[in-house]
Amino acid sequence: MPILWKRTMLALLILSITPRKSDGELEQWCVADEQTPDDELQMALDWACGKGGADCSKIQVNQPCYLPNTVRDHASYAFNSYFQKFKHKGGSCYFKGAAIITELDPSHSSCQYEFHP
């Protein structure tokens, strides 16, 4: 009986820490792929904040997501902004291979990444 109880508790723990939307679907964010070179990230970031229509106001100087001031961090924020805004309208988290989906909330300190069910 103790082994069954331990397995049940472990299963409940795993289920409780996995982020899920109310309909049971996993929460997802779009972030820069660690393997993508900065020059490719910069091009994708420029598109996302320009023609792409992402809200990049929070990665400007003196805003909550400006630091750390790296291309990778700013691209992650912009990619996610675009993805959350357009995922139900045909938008994706691709950016010519520069981005990936994560189920771990990338928010940090004062920088909160959007999530829209």
Protein backbone atom coordinates (compact mmCIF):
# COMPACT_ATOMS: atom_id res chain seq x y z
CA MET A 1 0.00 0.00 0.00
CA PRO A 2 2.78 2.58 0.73
CA ILE A 3 4.20 2.24 -2.82
CA LEU A 4 0.79 2.90 -4.38
CA TRP A 5 0.34 5.93 -2.13
CA LYS A 6 3.78 7.31 -3.12
CA ARG A 7 3.05 6.84 -6.83
CA THR A 8 -0.32 8.55 -6.46
CA MET A 9 1.23 11.49 -4.62
CA LEU A 10 3.99 11.79 -7.24
CA ALA A 11 1.41 11.81 -10.04
CA LEU A 12 -0.62 14.47 -8.25
CA LEU A 13 2.49 16.59 -7.72
CA ILE A 14 3.42 16.41 -11.40
CA LEU A 15 -0.10 17.33 -12.46
CA SER A 16 -0.22 20.24 -10.03
CA ILE A 17 2.99 21.89 -11.29
CA THR A 18 2.20 21.56 -15.01
CA PRO A 19 0.67 24.84 -16.24
CA ARG A 20 -2.68 24.28 -17.91
CA LYS A 21 -5.42 26.44 -19.25
CA SER A 22 -8.93 25.98 -17.93
CA ASP A 23 -9.84 23.70 -20.84
CA GLY A 24 -6.91 21.38 -20.06
CA GLU A 25 -4.64 22.61 -22.86
CA LEU A 26 -1.04 23.46 -21.90
CA GLU A 27 0.00 27.08 -21.61
CA GLN A 28 2.58 28.04 -24.22
CA TRP A 29 4.95 30.93 -24.79
CA CYS A 30 7.19 31.68 -27.77
CA VAL A 31 10.86 32.47 -27.13
CA ALA A 32 14.10 32.86 -29.06
CA ASP A 33 15.90 29.60 -29.80
CA GLU A 34 19.22 29.45 -27.92
CA GLN A 35 20.95 28.11 -31.05
CA THR A 36 19.98 31.02 -33.31
CA PRO A 37 22.76 33.54 -34.00
CA ASP A 38 22.19 37.12 -32.84
CA ASP A 39 22.12 38.56 -36.39
CA GLU A 40 19.22 36.25 -37.32
CA LEU A 41 17.44 37.07 -34.06
CA GLN A 42 17.87 40.79 -34.77
CA MET A 43 16.27 40.46 -38.21
CA ALA A 44 13.34 38.52 -36.76
CA LEU A 45 13.05 41.00 -33.87
CA ASP A 46 12.96 43.93 -36.31
CA TRP A 47 10.18 42.24 -38.29
CA ALA A 48 8.16 41.31 -35.19
CA CYS A 49 8.31 44.85 -33.79
CA GLY A 50 7.67 46.41 -37.21
CA LYS A 51 5.51 44.75 -39.84
CA GLY A 52 4.66 41.89 -37.50
CA GLY A 53 2.70 44.10 -35.12
CA ALA A 54 4.15 42.84 -31.82
CA ASP A 55 3.91 45.18 -28.84
CA CYS A 56 7.57 45.99 -28.19
CA SER A 57 7.00 48.95 -25.88
CA LYS A 58 8.10 46.99 -22.79
CA ILE A 59 11.58 46.26 -24.21
CA GLN A 60 12.41 49.95 -24.66
CA VAL A 61 14.84 51.79 -22.35
CA ASN A 62 13.48 52.28 -18.80
CA GLN A 63 10.66 49.77 -19.36
CA PRO A 64 10.12 46.55 -17.33
CA CYS A 65 11.54 44.16 -19.97
CA TYR A 66 14.49 46.22 -21.20
CA LEU A 67 16.92 44.35 -18.94
CA PRO A 68 18.69 42.14 -19.63
CA ASN A 69 19.54 44.22 -22.69
CA THR A 70 20.38 41.41 -25.10
CA VAL A 71 19.12 40.63 -28.58
CA ARG A 72 18.03 37.18 -27.36
CA ASP A 73 15.98 38.53 -24.44
CA HIS A 74 14.37 41.29 -26.49
CA ALA A 75 13.62 38.85 -29.33
CA SER A 76 12.00 36.42 -26.89
CA TYR A 77 9.70 39.13 -25.58
CA ALA A 78 8.79 40.35 -29.08
CA PHE A 79 8.27 36.82 -30.44
CA ASN A 80 5.94 36.00 -27.58
CA SER A 81 4.02 39.26 -27.96
CA TYR A 82 3.43 38.46 -31.65
CA PHE A 83 2.56 34.82 -30.93
CA GLN A 84 0.04 35.62 -28.20
CA LYS A 85 -1.57 38.35 -30.33
CA PHE A 86 -1.91 36.32 -33.53
CA LYS A 87 -1.88 32.61 -32.59
CA HIS A 88 -5.66 32.32 -33.05
CA LYS A 89 -5.49 34.23 -36.35
CA GLY A 90 -2.94 32.05 -38.15
CA GLY A 91 0.22 33.46 -36.52
CA SER A 92 2.95 31.03 -35.48
CA CYS A 93 6.08 30.81 -33.38
CA TYR A 94 8.48 30.18 -36.23
CA PHE A 95 10.32 33.37 -37.23
CA LYS A 96 12.33 31.49 -39.89
CA GLY A 97 13.43 28.93 -37.29
CA ALA A 98 14.60 31.54 -34.76
CA ALA A 99 11.95 30.75 -32.13
CA ILE A 100 10.60 27.80 -30.17
CA ILE A 101 7.55 27.05 -28.05
CA THR A 102 8.03 26.59 -24.31
CA GLU A 103 5.61 25.54 -21.60
CA LEU A 104 7.72 27.26 -18.92
CA ASP A 105 6.70 30.85 -18.26
CA PRO A 106 9.71 32.99 -19.30
CA SER A 107 8.64 35.94 -17.13
CA HIS A 108 11.32 37.26 -14.77
CA SER A 109 11.43 39.90 -12.04
CA SER A 110 9.36 42.87 -13.29
CA CYS A 111 9.08 41.52 -16.85
CA GLN A 112 5.82 39.61 -17.29
CA TYR A 113 5.32 37.74 -20.56
CA GLU A 114 1.78 37.75 -21.88
CA PHE A 115 -0.29 34.61 -22.13
CA HIS A 116 -3.68 34.55 -23.83
CA PRO A 117 -5.72 31.35 -23.75
